[in-house]
Amino acid sequence: MKIHFVYMTTSTREEAESIGKELVVSGLAACVNIIENMKSMYFWEGELQSSSEAVLIAKTIASHVPALVEKVKSLHSYDCPCIISLPVSDGNKSFMDWIQDSVKKP
């Protein structure tokens, strides 16, 4: 199985915790890291925006990514949430095995 890290942003730590909890409890992710107080700058609807966000990084398997993306979109407050899946090419085999063992089997 291929491991993926899914990078996401939310408007608040509370939203990040709510989404992260749902991903882990549902078995779509083995673990979710939350990083608070990230500063984002971007154009939205033609205007420069600046906001504080929380980052989530979910550890999962490739086959769970589509369902994870749909779950996050259904829970997220943004019209167009950042949800990016990144394949993991190598790492601590025992940790990668733990991820595979910890997610709900497809």
Protein backbone atom coordinates (compact mmCIF):
# COMPACT_ATOMS: atom_id res chain seq x y z
CA MET A 1 0.00 0.00 0.00
CA LYS A 2 1.16 3.50 -0.78
CA ILE A 3 1.24 6.06 2.03
CA HIS A 4 -0.03 9.60 1.43
CA PHE A 5 0.13 12.76 3.51
CA VAL A 6 -2.86 15.01 2.90
CA TYR A 7 -2.20 18.70 3.52
CA MET A 8 -5.21 20.89 4.39
CA THR A 9 -5.90 24.31 5.85
CA THR A 10 -8.82 25.55 7.96
CA SER A 11 -9.93 28.89 9.34
CA THR A 12 -9.53 27.91 13.02
CA ARG A 13 -7.90 25.37 15.31
CA GLU A 14 -11.39 24.25 16.37
CA GLU A 15 -12.37 23.48 12.77
CA ALA A 16 -9.09 21.63 12.28
CA GLU A 17 -9.69 19.55 15.41
CA SER A 18 -13.25 18.73 14.36
CA ILE A 19 -12.19 17.61 10.88
CA GLY A 20 -9.13 15.77 12.20
CA LYS A 21 -11.16 13.87 14.78
CA GLU A 22 -13.68 12.78 12.14
CA LEU A 23 -10.91 11.53 9.84
CA VAL A 24 -9.27 9.44 12.56
CA VAL A 25 -12.50 8.10 14.12
CA SER A 26 -13.86 7.12 10.69
CA GLY A 27 -10.65 5.26 9.83
CA LEU A 28 -9.82 7.48 6.86
CA ALA A 29 -6.57 8.62 8.51
CA ALA A 30 -4.22 6.96 10.98
CA CYS A 31 -3.14 10.29 12.43
CA VAL A 32 -3.70 14.00 11.92
CA ASN A 33 -1.22 16.72 12.89
CA ILE A 34 -2.53 20.23 13.53
CA ILE A 35 -0.29 23.29 13.28
CA GLU A 36 -1.80 26.55 14.50
CA ASN A 37 -1.23 30.18 13.55
CA MET A 38 -0.05 29.82 9.97
CA LYS A 39 -0.28 33.11 8.06
CA SER A 40 -1.77 32.83 4.56
CA MET A 41 -1.80 35.44 1.80
CA TYR A 42 -3.75 34.86 -1.41
CA PHE A 43 -6.08 36.44 -3.92
CA TRP A 44 -9.76 35.52 -3.54
CA GLU A 45 -12.46 37.05 -5.70
CA GLY A 46 -9.99 39.61 -7.04
CA GLU A 47 -8.79 40.93 -3.69
CA LEU A 48 -5.62 40.25 -1.73
CA GLN A 49 -6.51 38.40 1.46
CA SER A 50 -4.44 37.76 4.57
CA SER A 51 -5.60 35.43 7.30
CA SER A 52 -4.48 33.18 10.08
CA GLU A 53 -5.17 29.50 9.45
CA ALA A 54 -4.54 26.09 10.96
CA VAL A 55 -2.80 23.36 8.97
CA LEU A 56 -3.79 19.71 9.09
CA ILE A 57 -1.59 16.89 7.81
CA ALA A 58 -3.40 13.56 7.64
CA LYS A 59 -1.48 10.30 7.25
CA THR A 60 -3.37 7.74 5.20
CA ILE A 61 -3.18 5.24 2.35
CA ALA A 62 -3.66 6.07 -1.33
CA SER A 63 -6.94 4.19 -1.64
CA HIS A 64 -8.48 6.33 1.13
CA VAL A 65 -7.59 9.70 -0.44
CA PRO A 66 -10.77 10.15 -2.55
CA ALA A 67 -13.08 9.42 0.41
CA LEU A 68 -10.96 11.58 2.70
CA VAL A 69 -11.16 14.51 0.27
CA GLU A 70 -14.95 14.18 0.03
CA LYS A 71 -15.31 13.92 3.82
CA VAL A 72 -13.21 17.06 4.36
CA LYS A 73 -15.16 18.98 1.70
CA SER A 74 -18.44 18.02 3.41
CA LEU A 75 -17.21 19.30 6.80
CA HIS A 76 -15.21 22.33 5.71
CA SER A 77 -16.33 25.96 6.03
CA TYR A 78 -14.49 27.16 2.90
CA ASP A 79 -16.07 27.24 -0.57
CA CYS A 80 -12.80 25.94 -2.05
CA PRO A 81 -10.73 24.25 0.67
CA CYS A 82 -7.06 23.44 0.21
CA ILE A 83 -6.80 19.64 0.21
CA ILE A 84 -3.61 18.33 -1.40
CA SER A 85 -2.46 14.70 -1.39
CA LEU A 86 1.28 14.04 -1.43
CA PRO A 87 2.65 10.51 -1.96
CA VAL A 88 5.32 9.38 0.50
CA SER A 89 8.18 7.67 -1.32
CA ASP A 90 10.22 6.44 1.65
CA GLY A 91 10.60 6.65 5.40
CA ASN A 92 10.58 4.72 8.65
CA LYS A 93 9.14 1.37 7.61
CA SER A 94 7.67 0.62 11.03
CA PHE A 95 5.85 3.99 11.05
CA MET A 96 4.58 3.45 7.52
CA ASP A 97 3.39 -0.04 8.51
CA TRP A 98 1.60 1.50 11.50
CA ILE A 99 -0.27 3.89 9.18
CA GLN A 100 -1.39 0.97 7.01
CA ASP A 101 -2.49 -1.03 10.04
CA SER A 102 -4.30 1.91 11.67
CA VAL A 103 -6.66 2.94 8.88
CA LYS A 104 -9.94 1.20 8.14
CA LYS A 105 -9.37 -1.48 5.54
CA PRO A 106 -10.97 -0.72 2.17
